[in-house]
Amino acid sequence: MSDPAPHLLIVDDDERIRGLLRKFLARHGFLVSAARDAAHARRILSGLEFDLIVLDVMMPGEDGVALTQALRETIVTPILLLTAKNETEDRIKGLEAGADDYLAKPFEPKELLLRINAILRRMPAALPETMAPKVLQMGTVRFDIERAELLRGDEPVRLTATEVQLMRIFSEHLREPVSRAKLVEDLGRDKGQAQERAVDVQITRLRRKIESDPKQPRYLQTVRGEGYMLAPD
């Protein structure tokens, strides 16, 4: 029996774009729902679960960045932001708010498809309950590599798909520096300084979740001239 098709939510105030994306993604095997604004998206999300949300930044009322930040308080569903071309600050704010990736408008539909598939591939797969966990301890925080779970004490800490992938990359190179360029490559992103800066933003967000003092990180360290290194207890 084949796996069900991934279910995507498109959130864009432009009816024409919603319709085009809906038809294009449906032709490529996705189930697609659409929302016209943040309020509409919230109503849909209250009753349905999605595999990924494609969210326009520039919307009237509550914009895409604000909605991303609010959603991250309750869900870990991957979010791909659609941003205005050359609006670098919007992209950085979006990543800081919890988005997994961004794509600048105008874009080729095929590139959107590639980005969506790359994000979905990074999502942790469900594992049998009998598998023995492999855990990284970082003070009061621990990360179960197999289950892709981060816990502070007994309380779960929500991780985005990108944050899970970063933890898994670092777990394969414990106490070894990993360059920003390699992180970009392993995350399936295009090469370039903009993507390396985006990785820096993701590292900052991840530190807030695993460090007692993110400004003076003990576990997710910066190695000058070499990159980042995870050094658990």
Protein backbone atom coordinates (compact mmCIF):
# COMPACT_ATOMS: atom_id res chain seq x y z
CA MET A 1 0.00 0.00 0.00
CA SER A 2 1.50 3.33 -1.04
CA ASP A 3 2.03 6.22 1.37
CA PRO A 4 -0.59 9.00 1.29
CA ALA A 5 0.28 12.07 -0.74
CA PRO A 6 1.78 14.94 1.30
CA HIS A 7 -0.81 17.57 2.19
CA LEU A 8 0.27 21.18 1.62
CA LEU A 9 -1.34 24.43 2.77
CA ILE A 10 -0.85 27.45 0.48
CA VAL A 11 -1.39 30.82 2.19
CA ASP A 12 -1.42 33.81 -0.18
CA ASP A 13 -3.75 36.79 -0.52
CA ASP A 14 -3.43 36.72 -4.34
CA GLU A 15 -6.23 34.51 -5.67
CA ARG A 16 -4.47 34.00 -9.01
CA ILE A 17 -1.26 32.76 -7.37
CA ARG A 18 -3.22 30.47 -5.04
CA GLY A 19 -4.99 28.93 -8.01
CA LEU A 20 -1.84 28.48 -10.08
CA LEU A 21 0.13 26.91 -7.22
CA ARG A 22 -2.76 24.67 -6.29
CA LYS A 23 -3.06 23.27 -9.83
CA PHE A 24 0.71 22.96 -10.33
CA LEU A 25 1.36 21.13 -7.05
CA ALA A 26 -1.68 18.89 -7.47
CA ARG A 27 -0.30 17.81 -10.87
CA HIS A 28 2.88 16.75 -9.07
CA GLY A 29 1.10 14.47 -6.64
CA PHE A 30 0.34 16.68 -3.65
CA LEU A 31 -2.91 17.22 -1.82
CA VAL A 32 -3.33 21.01 -1.65
CA SER A 33 -5.49 23.29 0.49
CA ALA A 34 -5.41 27.07 0.24
CA ALA A 35 -6.03 30.04 2.55
CA ARG A 36 -6.46 33.69 1.57
CA ASP A 37 -4.93 35.23 4.72
CA ALA A 38 -3.60 34.46 8.19
CA ALA A 39 -7.03 34.30 9.81
CA HIS A 40 -8.27 31.87 7.17
CA ALA A 41 -5.12 29.76 7.62
CA ARG A 42 -5.66 29.59 11.38
CA ARG A 43 -9.20 28.29 10.88
CA ILE A 44 -7.99 25.58 8.50
CA LEU A 45 -5.09 24.60 10.77
CA SER A 46 -7.43 24.25 13.74
CA GLY A 47 -9.06 21.26 12.06
CA LEU A 48 -6.40 19.76 9.77
CA GLU A 49 -2.76 18.71 9.96
CA PHE A 50 -0.40 19.41 7.06
CA ASP A 51 2.99 18.14 5.93
CA LEU A 52 4.16 21.62 4.89
CA ILE A 53 2.92 25.22 4.73
CA VAL A 54 3.82 27.55 1.83
CA LEU A 55 3.31 31.04 3.24
CA ASP A 56 3.50 34.45 1.56
CA VAL A 57 5.24 37.10 3.69
CA MET A 58 3.49 40.17 2.28
CA MET A 59 -0.16 39.82 3.26
CA PRO A 60 -2.60 42.44 4.58
CA GLY A 61 -3.24 42.28 8.30
CA GLU A 62 -1.08 39.65 9.99
CA ASP A 63 1.89 39.07 7.69
CA GLY A 64 3.66 35.79 7.01
CA VAL A 65 6.51 36.38 9.47
CA ALA A 66 4.13 37.16 12.34
CA LEU A 67 2.01 34.12 11.50
CA THR A 68 5.11 31.91 11.38
CA GLN A 69 6.17 33.07 14.84
CA ALA A 70 2.69 32.44 16.23
CA LEU A 71 2.40 28.98 14.66
CA ARG A 72 5.78 27.94 16.06
CA GLU A 73 4.29 28.19 19.56
CA THR A 74 2.03 25.22 18.83
CA ILE A 75 3.15 23.27 15.73
CA VAL A 76 6.38 22.05 14.10
CA THR A 77 4.99 21.73 10.56
CA PRO A 78 7.67 22.89 8.08
CA ILE A 79 7.11 26.39 6.71
CA LEU A 80 8.43 27.71 3.39
CA LEU A 81 8.15 31.49 3.06
CA LEU A 82 7.60 33.31 -0.22
CA THR A 83 9.40 36.65 0.03
CA ALA A 84 9.75 39.78 -2.10
CA LYS A 85 12.89 39.78 -4.24
CA ASN A 86 15.96 41.32 -2.55
CA GLU A 87 14.17 41.80 0.78
CA THR A 88 16.97 40.15 2.75
CA GLU A 89 15.75 41.43 6.11
CA ASP A 90 12.35 39.81 5.58
CA ARG A 91 14.05 36.49 4.89
CA ILE A 92 16.23 36.70 7.99
CA LYS A 93 13.24 37.69 10.14
CA GLY A 94 11.34 34.75 8.72
CA LEU A 95 14.09 32.29 9.60
CA GLU A 96 14.37 33.78 13.08
CA ALA A 97 10.61 33.35 13.48
CA GLY A 98 10.93 29.64 12.71
CA ALA A 99 10.62 29.19 8.95
CA ASP A 100 12.53 26.29 7.42
CA ASP A 101 13.35 27.94 4.10
CA TYR A 102 12.41 30.84 1.84
CA LEU A 103 11.99 31.46 -1.86
CA ALA A 104 12.14 34.90 -3.46
CA LYS A 105 9.42 36.10 -5.82
CA PRO A 106 9.22 35.85 -8.75
CA PHE A 107 10.19 32.19 -8.87
CA GLU A 108 9.98 29.27 -11.25
CA PRO A 109 7.34 26.72 -10.14
CA LYS A 110 9.90 23.95 -10.63
CA GLU A 111 12.18 25.60 -8.05
CA LEU A 112 9.30 25.73 -5.56
CA LEU A 113 8.72 22.03 -6.18
CA LEU A 114 12.40 21.27 -5.54
CA ARG A 115 12.39 23.30 -2.30
CA ILE A 116 9.24 21.57 -1.05
CA ASN A 117 10.63 18.10 -1.78
CA ALA A 118 13.95 19.00 -0.11
CA ILE A 119 12.16 20.11 3.08
CA LEU A 120 9.96 17.02 3.16
CA ARG A 121 13.03 14.79 2.81
CA ARG A 122 14.49 16.45 5.91
CA MET A 123 11.48 15.55 8.04
CA PRO A 124 12.29 12.83 10.60
CA ALA A 125 10.83 9.45 9.74
CA ALA A 126 8.78 7.55 12.29
CA LEU A 127 10.78 4.81 13.99
CA PRO A 128 9.72 1.59 15.75
CA GLU A 129 9.17 1.93 19.47
CA THR A 130 11.59 -0.94 20.11
CA MET A 131 14.61 0.90 18.70
CA ALA A 132 17.12 1.78 21.39
CA PRO A 133 17.51 5.55 21.59
CA LYS A 134 20.84 7.25 21.12
CA VAL A 135 20.87 10.36 23.25
CA LEU A 136 23.11 13.43 23.40
CA GLN A 137 23.16 15.07 26.83
CA MET A 138 23.71 18.82 27.03
CA GLY A 139 23.23 19.88 30.63
CA THR A 140 19.50 19.70 31.38
CA VAL A 141 18.73 19.24 27.68
CA ARG A 142 18.98 15.97 25.79
CA PHE A 143 18.48 15.10 22.12
CA ASP A 144 17.31 11.65 21.06
CA ILE A 145 18.93 11.23 17.64
CA GLU A 146 16.77 8.32 16.49
CA ARG A 147 13.47 9.85 17.52
CA ALA A 148 14.47 13.42 16.63
CA GLU A 149 13.25 14.63 20.04
CA LEU A 150 14.67 17.41 22.18
CA LEU A 151 13.77 17.41 25.86
CA ARG A 152 14.49 19.87 28.64
CA GLY A 153 14.01 17.75 31.74
CA ASP A 154 10.76 15.96 30.94
CA GLU A 155 9.38 18.77 28.79
CA PRO A 156 9.58 18.43 24.99
CA VAL A 157 11.14 21.32 23.07
CA ARG A 158 9.73 21.85 19.58
CA LEU A 159 12.23 21.67 16.74
CA THR A 160 11.65 22.63 13.12
CA ALA A 161 12.59 20.16 10.38
CA THR A 162 15.72 22.20 9.67
CA GLU A 163 16.74 22.20 13.34
CA VAL A 164 16.32 18.42 13.48
CA GLN A 165 18.50 18.05 10.40
CA LEU A 166 21.16 20.33 11.90
CA MET A 167 21.24 18.26 15.10
CA ARG A 168 21.61 15.09 13.08
CA ILE A 169 24.43 16.58 10.99
CA PHE A 170 26.28 17.66 14.14
CA SER A 171 25.66 14.27 15.77
CA GLU A 172 27.58 12.67 12.89
CA HIS A 173 30.53 15.00 13.55
CA LEU A 174 30.59 15.26 17.34
CA ARG A 175 33.35 17.53 18.66
CA GLU A 176 34.47 18.22 15.08
CA PRO A 177 33.97 21.60 13.38
CA VAL A 178 31.48 21.59 10.51
CA SER A 179 31.89 24.43 8.02
CA ARG A 180 29.00 26.69 7.10
CA ALA A 181 29.44 25.64 3.46
CA LYS A 182 29.03 21.96 4.39
CA LEU A 183 25.96 22.74 6.48
CA VAL A 184 24.44 24.55 3.50
CA GLU A 185 25.24 21.58 1.26
CA ASP A 186 23.93 18.94 3.70
CA LEU A 187 20.72 20.92 4.18
CA GLY A 188 20.15 20.76 0.43
CA ARG A 189 20.40 24.51 -0.12
CA ASP A 190 21.97 26.46 -2.98
CA LYS A 191 25.53 27.55 -2.26
CA GLY A 192 26.34 31.18 -1.50
CA GLN A 193 26.85 33.75 1.23
CA ALA A 194 23.12 34.40 1.59
CA GLN A 195 22.50 30.74 2.45
CA GLU A 196 25.46 30.70 4.84
CA ARG A 197 23.95 33.71 6.60
CA ALA A 198 20.65 31.84 6.76
CA VAL A 199 22.46 28.94 8.45
CA ASP A 200 23.86 31.40 11.01
CA VAL A 201 20.29 32.44 11.83
CA GLN A 202 19.23 28.80 12.24
CA ILE A 203 22.20 28.17 14.55
CA THR A 204 21.19 31.17 16.67
CA ARG A 205 17.64 29.82 16.99
CA LEU A 206 18.91 26.33 17.85
CA ARG A 207 21.19 27.70 20.55
CA ARG A 208 18.20 29.32 22.24
CA LYS A 209 16.73 25.85 22.62
CA ILE A 210 19.78 23.92 23.86
CA GLU A 211 21.95 26.47 25.69
CA SER A 212 21.34 27.93 29.15
CA ASP A 213 23.12 31.08 27.92
CA PRO A 214 22.84 31.30 24.10
CA LYS A 215 25.17 34.32 24.00
CA GLN A 216 27.95 32.22 25.56
CA PRO A 217 27.29 28.79 24.07
CA ARG A 218 28.82 25.82 25.81
CA TYR A 219 27.55 23.00 23.58
CA LEU A 220 26.96 24.42 20.10
CA GLN A 221 30.24 26.27 19.74
CA THR A 222 31.65 28.58 17.08
CA VAL A 223 35.11 27.50 15.93
CA ARG A 224 36.73 30.59 14.48
CA GLY A 225 37.60 30.16 10.82
CA GLU A 226 36.21 26.61 10.69
CA GLY A 227 32.47 26.68 11.42
CA TYR A 228 30.34 25.21 14.19
CA MET A 229 30.86 22.26 16.52
CA LEU A 230 28.55 20.30 18.83
CA ALA A 231 30.26 19.18 22.04
CA PRO A 232 27.77 17.41 24.34
CA ASP A 233 28.56 16.26 27.90
